[in-house]
């Protein structure tokens, strides 16, 4: 497949660079998730202490119910924000991976096309039909890859829209429940 040792070395170098890019992307993503988790744990601890103090300061059952209703909305909003952040990190990581893989596939296509052209030039007479069939198969594979890539992007966009809609609906529902709880307590 490779005509010279230099071509083989260049292909290996490109493969190693791609793997390093993927590894760095994965590590950066893990770092972002770890930082998010640490900040979330710190916030949960601080909120827990604050919420406990607020509940212990209540003078009667009605005030406890009112405090609980007040605390529900911010807690749900924080949980939703955390989920959204995790989703964004994973979506960005997937996008970076897709870019690298797409680049590799494009490079592979160019290499195969070049090799096919060389093979066609040195092929014996009468092999035009076989070369045309191989070119047709490669074109079909490229078309299928492009279609799958477009479909995957559309699915990701739809999933993102659905996550946003579900998140907003959850926050609104909890807000309505908390408001109803406050009215009952009053």
N, C-alpha and C. Protein backbone atom coordinates (compact mmCIF):
# COMPACT_ATOMS: atom_id res chain seq x y z
N UNK A 1 0.83 -1.18 0.00
CA UNK A 1 0.00 0.00 0.00
C UNK A 1 0.88 1.26 0.00
N UNK A 2 2.00 1.24 0.69
CA UNK A 2 2.91 2.38 0.73
C UNK A 2 4.08 2.11 -0.19
N UNK A 3 4.36 3.05 -1.09
CA UNK A 3 5.40 2.86 -2.09
C UNK A 3 6.79 3.06 -1.49
N UNK A 4 6.93 3.91 -0.52
CA UNK A 4 8.25 4.20 0.03
C UNK A 4 8.20 4.17 1.55
N UNK A 5 9.35 3.98 2.18
CA UNK A 5 9.39 4.03 3.65
C UNK A 5 8.97 5.41 4.19
N UNK A 6 9.21 6.45 3.41
CA UNK A 6 8.80 7.78 3.84
C UNK A 6 7.28 7.90 3.93
N UNK A 7 6.59 7.30 2.98
CA UNK A 7 5.13 7.32 3.01
C UNK A 7 4.62 6.53 4.22
N UNK A 8 5.25 5.40 4.50
CA UNK A 8 4.87 4.59 5.65
C UNK A 8 5.10 5.37 6.94
N UNK A 9 6.25 6.03 7.05
CA UNK A 9 6.57 6.82 8.23
C UNK A 9 5.58 7.99 8.39
N UNK A 10 5.24 8.64 7.29
CA UNK A 10 4.30 9.76 7.34
C UNK A 10 2.92 9.28 7.79
N UNK A 11 2.51 8.11 7.30
CA UNK A 11 1.21 7.56 7.71
C UNK A 11 1.21 7.22 9.19
N UNK A 12 2.30 6.63 9.67
CA UNK A 12 2.40 6.30 11.09
C UNK A 12 2.39 7.57 11.94
N UNK A 13 3.10 8.58 11.50
CA UNK A 13 3.15 9.84 12.23
C UNK A 13 1.75 10.45 12.32
N UNK A 14 1.03 10.43 11.23
CA UNK A 14 -0.34 10.97 11.21
C UNK A 14 -1.25 10.19 12.15
N UNK A 15 -1.09 8.88 12.17
CA UNK A 15 -1.91 8.05 13.06
C UNK A 15 -1.60 8.34 14.53
N UNK A 16 -0.33 8.48 14.85
CA UNK A 16 0.06 8.79 16.23
C UNK A 16 -0.46 10.17 16.63
N UNK A 17 -0.37 11.14 15.74
CA UNK A 17 -0.88 12.47 16.04
C UNK A 17 -2.38 12.45 16.27
N UNK A 18 -3.10 11.67 15.50
CA UNK A 18 -4.54 11.55 15.69
C UNK A 18 -4.87 10.91 17.04
N UNK A 19 -4.14 9.86 17.38
CA UNK A 19 -4.37 9.22 18.67
C UNK A 19 -4.05 10.16 19.83
N UNK A 20 -2.99 10.94 19.69
CA UNK A 20 -2.65 11.92 20.73
C UNK A 20 -3.74 12.99 20.86
N UNK A 21 -4.27 13.41 19.74
CA UNK A 21 -5.36 14.39 19.77
C UNK A 21 -6.57 13.81 20.48
N UNK A 22 -6.92 12.57 20.17
CA UNK A 22 -8.06 11.92 20.83
C UNK A 22 -7.80 11.76 22.32
N UNK A 23 -6.58 11.35 22.69
CA UNK A 23 -6.24 11.17 24.10
C UNK A 23 -6.30 12.50 24.84
N UNK A 24 -5.76 13.55 24.25
CA UNK A 24 -5.79 14.88 24.89
C UNK A 24 -7.23 15.38 25.04
N UNK A 25 -8.05 15.12 24.05
CA UNK A 25 -9.46 15.52 24.12
C UNK A 25 -10.16 14.78 25.25
N UNK A 26 -9.91 13.48 25.35
CA UNK A 26 -10.53 12.68 26.42
C UNK A 26 -10.05 13.15 27.79
N UNK A 27 -8.77 13.43 27.93
CA UNK A 27 -8.25 13.90 29.21
C UNK A 27 -8.80 15.28 29.57
N UNK A 28 -8.90 16.16 28.61
CA UNK A 28 -9.46 17.49 28.87
C UNK A 28 -10.92 17.38 29.30
N UNK A 29 -11.64 16.48 28.67
CA UNK A 29 -13.03 16.26 29.05
C UNK A 29 -13.13 15.71 30.47
N UNK A 30 -12.30 14.74 30.78
CA UNK A 30 -12.30 14.17 32.13
C UNK A 30 -11.94 15.23 33.16
N UNK A 31 -11.01 16.09 32.82
CA UNK A 31 -10.62 17.18 33.71
C UNK A 31 -11.78 18.14 33.96
N UNK A 32 -12.50 18.47 32.91
CA UNK A 32 -13.66 19.36 33.05
C UNK A 32 -14.75 18.72 33.90
N UNK A 33 -15.00 17.43 33.71
CA UNK A 33 -16.01 16.73 34.50
C UNK A 33 -15.57 16.67 35.96
N UNK A 34 -14.30 16.40 36.21
CA UNK A 34 -13.80 16.35 37.59
C UNK A 34 -13.94 17.71 38.27
N UNK A 35 -13.61 18.78 37.57
CA UNK A 35 -13.75 20.13 38.13
C UNK A 35 -15.22 20.44 38.41
N UNK A 36 -16.09 20.06 37.48
CA UNK A 36 -17.52 20.27 37.67
C UNK A 36 -18.01 19.50 38.90
N UNK A 37 -17.58 18.24 39.03
CA UNK A 37 -17.99 17.43 40.17
C UNK A 37 -17.49 18.02 41.48
N UNK A 38 -16.27 18.49 41.51
CA UNK A 38 -15.71 19.08 42.72
C UNK A 38 -16.48 20.34 43.11
N UNK A 39 -16.72 21.20 42.15
CA UNK A 39 -17.48 22.42 42.42
C UNK A 39 -18.91 22.11 42.86
N UNK A 40 -19.50 21.10 42.25
CA UNK A 40 -20.86 20.71 42.62
C UNK A 40 -20.89 20.15 44.03
N UNK A 41 -19.92 19.31 44.37
CA UNK A 41 -19.86 18.75 45.72
C UNK A 41 -19.70 19.86 46.75
N UNK A 42 -18.85 20.82 46.46
CA UNK A 42 -18.64 21.95 47.37
C UNK A 42 -19.95 22.73 47.53
N UNK A 43 -20.62 22.99 46.45
CA UNK A 43 -21.88 23.73 46.48
C UNK A 43 -22.96 22.96 47.24
N UNK A 44 -23.04 21.67 47.03
CA UNK A 44 -24.04 20.84 47.72
C UNK A 44 -23.79 20.86 49.22
N UNK A 45 -22.54 20.77 49.59
CA UNK A 45 -22.20 20.80 51.02
C UNK A 45 -22.60 22.15 51.63
N UNK A 46 -22.23 23.23 50.98
CA UNK A 46 -22.57 24.56 51.49
C UNK A 46 -24.08 24.76 51.55
N UNK A 47 -24.78 24.33 50.49
CA UNK A 47 -26.23 24.46 50.48
C UNK A 47 -26.87 23.59 51.56
N UNK A 48 -26.33 22.41 51.77
CA UNK A 48 -26.86 21.52 52.81
C UNK A 48 -26.77 22.15 54.19
N UNK A 49 -25.65 22.75 54.48
CA UNK A 49 -25.47 23.43 55.77
C UNK A 49 -26.45 24.59 55.88
N UNK A 50 -26.52 25.39 54.86
CA UNK A 50 -27.42 26.55 54.86
C UNK A 50 -28.88 26.11 55.00
N UNK A 51 -29.27 25.08 54.25
CA UNK A 51 -30.65 24.59 54.30
C UNK A 51 -30.99 24.01 55.67
N UNK A 52 -30.04 23.30 56.25
CA UNK A 52 -30.26 22.72 57.58
C UNK A 52 -30.46 23.83 58.61
N UNK A 53 -29.64 24.86 58.53
CA UNK A 53 -29.78 26.00 59.45
C UNK A 53 -31.15 26.65 59.28
N UNK A 54 -31.58 26.81 58.03
CA UNK A 54 -32.89 27.43 57.77
C UNK A 54 -34.01 26.57 58.34
N UNK A 55 -33.92 25.26 58.16
CA UNK A 55 -34.96 24.37 58.69
C UNK A 55 -34.95 24.34 60.22
N UNK A 56 -33.77 24.35 60.81
CA UNK A 56 -33.68 24.33 62.27
C UNK A 56 -34.16 25.64 62.88
N UNK A 57 -34.12 26.71 62.12
CA UNK A 57 -34.58 28.01 62.60
C UNK A 57 -36.08 28.19 62.52
N UNK A 58 -36.77 27.24 61.91
CA UNK A 58 -38.23 27.35 61.78
C UNK A 58 -38.89 27.21 63.15
N UNK A 59 -39.93 28.00 63.35
CA UNK A 59 -40.59 28.03 64.65
C UNK A 59 -41.75 27.05 64.76
N UNK A 60 -42.35 26.70 63.63
CA UNK A 60 -43.47 25.75 63.66
C UNK A 60 -43.50 24.94 62.36
N UNK A 61 -44.43 24.02 62.27
CA UNK A 61 -44.53 23.12 61.11
C UNK A 61 -44.82 23.90 59.83
N UNK A 62 -45.67 24.90 59.93
CA UNK A 62 -46.00 25.69 58.75
C UNK A 62 -44.75 26.37 58.17
N UNK A 63 -43.91 26.87 59.05
CA UNK A 63 -42.69 27.53 58.60
C UNK A 63 -41.72 26.51 57.98
N UNK A 64 -41.67 25.29 58.53
CA UNK A 64 -40.84 24.22 57.96
C UNK A 64 -41.30 23.91 56.55
N UNK A 65 -42.60 23.81 56.36
CA UNK A 65 -43.15 23.51 55.03
C UNK A 65 -42.82 24.66 54.07
N UNK A 66 -42.95 25.88 54.55
CA UNK A 66 -42.64 27.04 53.72
C UNK A 66 -41.16 27.06 53.32
N UNK A 67 -40.28 26.78 54.28
CA UNK A 67 -38.83 26.76 53.99
C UNK A 67 -38.52 25.66 52.99
N UNK A 68 -39.11 24.49 53.18
CA UNK A 68 -38.87 23.38 52.24
C UNK A 68 -39.31 23.74 50.83
N UNK A 69 -40.46 24.37 50.72
CA UNK A 69 -40.96 24.77 49.41
C UNK A 69 -40.02 25.79 48.77
N UNK A 70 -39.48 26.69 49.59
CA UNK A 70 -38.56 27.71 49.09
C UNK A 70 -37.25 27.07 48.61
N UNK A 71 -36.81 26.03 49.29
CA UNK A 71 -35.53 25.40 48.96
C UNK A 71 -35.62 24.47 47.74
N UNK A 72 -36.79 23.97 47.43
CA UNK A 72 -36.93 22.98 46.35
C UNK A 72 -36.52 23.54 44.99
N UNK A 73 -37.01 24.72 44.66
CA UNK A 73 -36.74 25.30 43.33
C UNK A 73 -35.25 25.49 43.06
N UNK A 74 -34.49 26.14 43.95
CA UNK A 74 -33.06 26.31 43.67
C UNK A 74 -32.31 24.98 43.56
N UNK A 75 -32.70 24.01 44.35
CA UNK A 75 -32.03 22.71 44.29
C UNK A 75 -32.26 22.02 42.96
N UNK A 76 -33.49 22.08 42.48
CA UNK A 76 -33.79 21.47 41.18
C UNK A 76 -33.07 22.22 40.07
N UNK A 77 -33.05 23.55 40.16
CA UNK A 77 -32.35 24.34 39.14
C UNK A 77 -30.86 24.00 39.12
N UNK A 78 -30.27 23.80 40.28
CA UNK A 78 -28.85 23.45 40.34
C UNK A 78 -28.61 22.05 39.77
N UNK A 79 -29.51 21.12 40.06
CA UNK A 79 -29.37 19.77 39.50
C UNK A 79 -29.50 19.79 37.99
N UNK A 80 -30.43 20.60 37.51
CA UNK A 80 -30.61 20.73 36.05
C UNK A 80 -29.38 21.38 35.42
N UNK A 81 -28.84 22.40 36.08
CA UNK A 81 -27.64 23.06 35.56
C UNK A 81 -26.47 22.09 35.51
N UNK A 82 -26.34 21.26 36.54
CA UNK A 82 -25.28 20.25 36.57
C UNK A 82 -25.45 19.28 35.39
N UNK A 83 -26.66 18.78 35.21
CA UNK A 83 -26.93 17.84 34.11
C UNK A 83 -26.64 18.47 32.76
N UNK A 84 -27.03 19.72 32.63
CA UNK A 84 -26.78 20.44 31.38
C UNK A 84 -25.28 20.57 31.13
N UNK A 85 -24.52 20.87 32.18
CA UNK A 85 -23.07 21.01 32.03
C UNK A 85 -22.42 19.69 31.62
N UNK A 86 -22.84 18.61 32.25
CA UNK A 86 -22.31 17.29 31.89
C UNK A 86 -22.64 16.98 30.43
N UNK A 87 -23.87 17.27 30.03
CA UNK A 87 -24.28 17.03 28.65
C UNK A 87 -23.44 17.86 27.68
N UNK A 88 -23.21 19.13 28.01
CA UNK A 88 -22.41 20.00 27.14
C UNK A 88 -20.98 19.50 27.00
N UNK A 89 -20.40 19.07 28.10
CA UNK A 89 -19.04 18.53 28.05
C UNK A 89 -18.99 17.30 27.17
N UNK A 90 -19.94 16.40 27.35
CA UNK A 90 -19.93 15.17 26.54
C UNK A 90 -20.21 15.47 25.07
N UNK A 91 -21.09 16.42 24.79
CA UNK A 91 -21.39 16.78 23.40
C UNK A 91 -20.17 17.42 22.73
N UNK A 92 -19.47 18.28 23.45
CA UNK A 92 -18.27 18.90 22.89
C UNK A 92 -17.18 17.87 22.65
N UNK A 93 -17.03 16.94 23.57
CA UNK A 93 -16.03 15.88 23.40
C UNK A 93 -16.37 15.02 22.19
N UNK A 94 -17.62 14.65 22.05
CA UNK A 94 -18.05 13.85 20.91
C UNK A 94 -17.80 14.60 19.61
N UNK A 95 -18.05 15.90 19.62
CA UNK A 95 -17.82 16.72 18.43
C UNK A 95 -16.34 16.74 18.05
N UNK A 96 -15.47 16.88 19.04
CA UNK A 96 -14.03 16.87 18.78
C UNK A 96 -13.59 15.51 18.22
N UNK A 97 -14.11 14.43 18.81
CA UNK A 97 -13.78 13.09 18.31
C UNK A 97 -14.23 12.95 16.86
N UNK A 98 -15.44 13.42 16.58
CA UNK A 98 -15.98 13.31 15.22
C UNK A 98 -15.11 14.07 14.22
N UNK A 99 -14.62 15.25 14.61
CA UNK A 99 -13.76 16.04 13.72
C UNK A 99 -12.49 15.27 13.38
N UNK A 100 -11.88 14.68 14.40
CA UNK A 100 -10.63 13.93 14.17
C UNK A 100 -10.90 12.74 13.26
N UNK A 101 -11.96 12.00 13.55
CA UNK A 101 -12.27 10.82 12.75
C UNK A 101 -12.66 11.20 11.32
N UNK A 102 -13.37 12.29 11.18
CA UNK A 102 -13.75 12.75 9.84
C UNK A 102 -12.51 13.15 9.05
N UNK A 103 -11.58 13.81 9.70
CA UNK A 103 -10.33 14.19 9.07
C UNK A 103 -9.55 12.95 8.63
N UNK A 104 -9.51 11.95 9.50
CA UNK A 104 -8.82 10.70 9.17
C UNK A 104 -9.49 10.02 7.97
N UNK A 105 -10.81 10.02 7.95
CA UNK A 105 -11.53 9.39 6.85
C UNK A 105 -11.26 10.13 5.55
N UNK A 106 -11.23 11.45 5.60
CA UNK A 106 -10.95 12.25 4.40
C UNK A 106 -9.55 11.94 3.88
N UNK A 107 -8.60 11.85 4.79
CA UNK A 107 -7.22 11.53 4.40
C UNK A 107 -7.15 10.13 3.79
N UNK A 108 -7.87 9.20 4.39
CA UNK A 108 -7.92 7.83 3.87
C UNK A 108 -8.52 7.82 2.46
N UNK A 109 -9.57 8.60 2.26
CA UNK A 109 -10.20 8.67 0.93
C UNK A 109 -9.20 9.16 -0.11
N UNK A 110 -8.44 10.20 0.24
CA UNK A 110 -7.44 10.74 -0.70
C UNK A 110 -6.39 9.70 -1.03
N UNK A 111 -5.94 8.98 -0.01
CA UNK A 111 -4.91 7.95 -0.21
C UNK A 111 -5.43 6.85 -1.12
N UNK A 112 -6.63 6.38 -0.86
CA UNK A 112 -7.22 5.31 -1.68
C UNK A 112 -7.42 5.79 -3.11
N UNK A 113 -7.89 7.02 -3.27
CA UNK A 113 -8.09 7.56 -4.62
C UNK A 113 -6.77 7.64 -5.37
N UNK A 114 -5.70 8.08 -4.68
CA UNK A 114 -4.38 8.14 -5.31
C UNK A 114 -3.88 6.77 -5.70
N UNK A 115 -4.04 5.80 -4.80
CA UNK A 115 -3.60 4.43 -5.11
C UNK A 115 -4.40 3.84 -6.26
N UNK A 116 -5.69 4.14 -6.29
CA UNK A 116 -6.54 3.62 -7.36
C UNK A 116 -6.13 4.23 -8.70
N UNK A 117 -5.81 5.49 -8.71
CA UNK A 117 -5.35 6.13 -9.95
C UNK A 117 -4.05 5.51 -10.44
N UNK A 118 -3.12 5.26 -9.51
CA UNK A 118 -1.84 4.62 -9.87
C UNK A 118 -2.09 3.22 -10.42
N UNK A 119 -2.99 2.50 -9.74
CA UNK A 119 -3.29 1.13 -10.19
C UNK A 119 -3.95 1.14 -11.56
N UNK A 120 -4.80 2.12 -11.80
CA UNK A 120 -5.49 2.21 -13.10
C UNK A 120 -4.50 2.48 -14.23
N UNK A 121 -3.49 3.30 -13.94
CA UNK A 121 -2.49 3.62 -14.97
C UNK A 121 -1.62 2.42 -15.32
N UNK A 122 -1.34 1.61 -14.32
CA UNK A 122 -0.46 0.46 -14.58
C UNK A 122 -1.24 -0.83 -14.80
N UNK A 123 -2.56 -0.75 -14.82
CA UNK A 123 -3.38 -1.96 -15.01
C UNK A 123 -3.31 -2.42 -16.47
N UNK A 124 -3.44 -3.71 -16.65
CA UNK A 124 -3.43 -4.23 -18.03
C UNK A 124 -4.65 -3.76 -18.81
N UNK A 125 -4.53 -3.84 -20.11
CA UNK A 125 -5.63 -3.44 -20.98
C UNK A 125 -6.86 -4.30 -20.68
N UNK A 126 -8.03 -3.67 -20.71
CA UNK A 126 -9.26 -4.40 -20.48
C UNK A 126 -9.71 -4.39 -19.03
N UNK A 127 -8.92 -3.81 -18.15
CA UNK A 127 -9.29 -3.80 -16.73
C UNK A 127 -10.05 -2.53 -16.35
N UNK A 128 -10.45 -1.76 -17.36
CA UNK A 128 -11.19 -0.53 -17.10
C UNK A 128 -12.48 -0.78 -16.34
N UNK A 129 -13.14 -1.88 -16.67
CA UNK A 129 -14.42 -2.20 -16.01
C UNK A 129 -14.20 -2.44 -14.52
N UNK A 130 -13.15 -3.17 -14.16
CA UNK A 130 -12.86 -3.47 -12.75
C UNK A 130 -12.51 -2.18 -12.01
N UNK A 131 -11.70 -1.33 -12.60
CA UNK A 131 -11.31 -0.06 -11.97
C UNK A 131 -12.54 0.81 -11.78
N UNK A 132 -13.42 0.86 -12.79
CA UNK A 132 -14.64 1.65 -12.68
C UNK A 132 -15.54 1.11 -11.57
N UNK A 133 -15.60 -0.21 -11.42
CA UNK A 133 -16.42 -0.81 -10.37
C UNK A 133 -15.88 -0.45 -8.99
N UNK A 134 -14.57 -0.48 -8.84
CA UNK A 134 -13.96 -0.12 -7.56
C UNK A 134 -14.20 1.36 -7.26
N UNK A 135 -14.04 2.22 -8.26
CA UNK A 135 -14.30 3.64 -8.07
C UNK A 135 -15.76 3.88 -7.68
N UNK A 136 -16.66 3.15 -8.31
CA UNK A 136 -18.08 3.27 -7.99
C UNK A 136 -18.35 2.83 -6.56
N UNK A 137 -17.72 1.74 -6.13
CA UNK A 137 -17.90 1.26 -4.76
C UNK A 137 -17.36 2.27 -3.76
N UNK A 138 -16.25 2.88 -4.07
CA UNK A 138 -15.68 3.90 -3.17
C UNK A 138 -16.59 5.12 -3.11
N UNK A 139 -17.12 5.53 -4.24
CA UNK A 139 -18.04 6.67 -4.26
C UNK A 139 -19.29 6.36 -3.43
N UNK A 140 -19.80 5.14 -3.54
CA UNK A 140 -20.98 4.75 -2.75
C UNK A 140 -20.65 4.75 -1.26
N UNK A 141 -19.47 4.26 -0.89
CA UNK A 141 -19.07 4.26 0.52
C UNK A 141 -18.93 5.68 1.04
N UNK A 142 -18.34 6.56 0.23
CA UNK A 142 -18.21 7.96 0.63
C UNK A 142 -19.58 8.62 0.81
N UNK A 143 -20.48 8.33 -0.09
CA UNK A 143 -21.83 8.87 0.00
C UNK A 143 -22.54 8.36 1.24
N UNK A 144 -22.38 7.08 1.54
CA UNK A 144 -22.99 6.50 2.74
C UNK A 144 -22.41 7.14 4.00
N UNK A 145 -21.10 7.35 4.01
CA UNK A 145 -20.46 7.99 5.17
C UNK A 145 -21.00 9.40 5.36
N UNK A 146 -21.10 10.15 4.27
CA UNK A 146 -21.62 11.52 4.36
C UNK A 146 -23.06 11.52 4.87
N UNK A 147 -23.87 10.60 4.38
CA UNK A 147 -25.27 10.52 4.82
C UNK A 147 -25.35 10.18 6.31
N UNK A 148 -24.54 9.21 6.74
CA UNK A 148 -24.54 8.83 8.15
C UNK A 148 -24.05 9.99 9.02
N UNK A 149 -23.06 10.71 8.55
CA UNK A 149 -22.53 11.84 9.30
C UNK A 149 -23.60 12.93 9.46
N UNK A 150 -24.31 13.22 8.38
CA UNK A 150 -25.38 14.22 8.44
C UNK A 150 -26.50 13.76 9.36
N UNK A 151 -26.86 12.49 9.28
CA UNK A 151 -27.91 11.96 10.15
C UNK A 151 -27.50 12.02 11.62
N UNK A 152 -26.25 11.70 11.90
CA UNK A 152 -25.76 11.76 13.28
C UNK A 152 -25.81 13.18 13.82
N UNK A 153 -25.46 14.14 12.98
CA UNK A 153 -25.52 15.55 13.41
C UNK A 153 -26.96 15.97 13.68
N UNK A 154 -27.89 15.52 12.84
CA UNK A 154 -29.30 15.86 13.05
C UNK A 154 -29.82 15.23 14.33
N UNK A 155 -29.44 13.98 14.59
CA UNK A 155 -29.86 13.31 15.82
C UNK A 155 -29.32 14.06 17.03
N UNK A 156 -28.08 14.49 16.97
CA UNK A 156 -27.48 15.24 18.08
C UNK A 156 -28.22 16.56 18.30
N UNK A 157 -28.59 17.24 17.23
CA UNK A 157 -29.33 18.50 17.37
C UNK A 157 -30.71 18.26 17.97
N UNK A 158 -31.37 17.21 17.55
CA UNK A 158 -32.70 16.88 18.09
C UNK A 158 -32.58 16.50 19.56
N UNK A 159 -31.57 15.70 19.90
CA UNK A 159 -31.37 15.32 21.29
C UNK A 159 -31.10 16.54 22.15
N UNK A 160 -30.30 17.46 21.66
CA UNK A 160 -30.01 18.67 22.41
C UNK A 160 -31.27 19.49 22.63
N UNK A 161 -32.10 19.61 21.61
CA UNK A 161 -33.35 20.35 21.75
C UNK A 161 -34.28 19.67 22.75
N UNK A 162 -34.34 18.33 22.71
CA UNK A 162 -35.18 17.59 23.65
C UNK A 162 -34.68 17.72 25.08
N UNK A 163 -33.37 17.69 25.28
CA UNK A 163 -32.81 17.87 26.62
C UNK A 163 -33.16 19.26 27.14
N UNK A 164 -33.03 20.26 26.31
CA UNK A 164 -33.36 21.63 26.73
C UNK A 164 -34.84 21.75 27.08
N UNK A 165 -35.71 21.16 26.27
CA UNK A 165 -37.14 21.23 26.54
C UNK A 165 -37.50 20.49 27.83
N UNK A 166 -36.94 19.32 28.03
CA UNK A 166 -37.21 18.55 29.25
C UNK A 166 -36.70 19.29 30.48
N UNK A 167 -35.54 19.91 30.35
CA UNK A 167 -34.97 20.67 31.45
C UNK A 167 -35.88 21.83 31.84
N UNK A 168 -36.31 22.57 30.85
CA UNK A 168 -37.19 23.71 31.12
C UNK A 168 -38.52 23.26 31.72
N UNK A 169 -39.06 22.16 31.22
CA UNK A 169 -40.32 21.65 31.76
C UNK A 169 -40.16 21.22 33.21
N UNK A 170 -39.04 20.60 33.54
CA UNK A 170 -38.79 20.16 34.91
C UNK A 170 -38.69 21.35 35.85
N UNK A 171 -37.94 22.36 35.45
CA UNK A 171 -37.79 23.56 36.29
C UNK A 171 -39.14 24.23 36.49
N UNK A 172 -39.94 24.35 35.44
CA UNK A 172 -41.26 24.97 35.56
C UNK A 172 -42.18 24.17 36.47
N UNK A 173 -42.15 22.84 36.33
CA UNK A 173 -43.00 21.98 37.15
C UNK A 173 -42.62 22.10 38.63
N UNK A 174 -41.35 22.10 38.91
CA UNK A 174 -40.91 22.23 40.30
C UNK A 174 -41.26 23.61 40.83
N UNK A 175 -41.12 24.62 40.01
CA UNK A 175 -41.48 25.97 40.41
C UNK A 175 -42.95 26.07 40.75
N UNK A 176 -43.80 25.45 39.93
CA UNK A 176 -45.25 25.47 40.18
C UNK A 176 -45.57 24.70 41.47
N UNK A 177 -44.90 23.57 41.68
CA UNK A 177 -45.13 22.78 42.89
C UNK A 177 -44.68 23.55 44.12
N UNK A 178 -43.54 24.22 44.03
CA UNK A 178 -43.03 25.01 45.16
C UNK A 178 -43.97 26.16 45.45
N UNK A 179 -44.50 26.81 44.44
CA UNK A 179 -45.43 27.92 44.64
C UNK A 179 -46.72 27.43 45.31
N UNK A 180 -47.18 26.26 44.87
CA UNK A 180 -48.39 25.68 45.48
C UNK A 180 -48.13 25.31 46.94
N UNK A 181 -46.94 24.82 47.23
CA UNK A 181 -46.59 24.47 48.61
C UNK A 181 -46.55 25.70 49.49
N UNK A 182 -46.05 26.79 48.96
CA UNK A 182 -46.00 28.04 49.73
C UNK A 182 -47.41 28.54 50.04
N UNK A 183 -48.32 28.44 49.07
CA UNK A 183 -49.69 28.91 49.26
C UNK A 183 -50.39 28.08 50.34
N UNK A 184 -50.15 26.76 50.33
CA UNK A 184 -50.77 25.88 51.34
C UNK A 184 -50.24 26.21 52.73
N UNK A 185 -48.95 26.52 52.81
CA UNK A 185 -48.35 26.81 54.10
C UNK A 185 -48.84 28.13 54.66
N UNK A 186 -49.19 29.05 53.78
CA UNK A 186 -49.62 30.39 54.24
C UNK A 186 -51.05 30.40 54.63
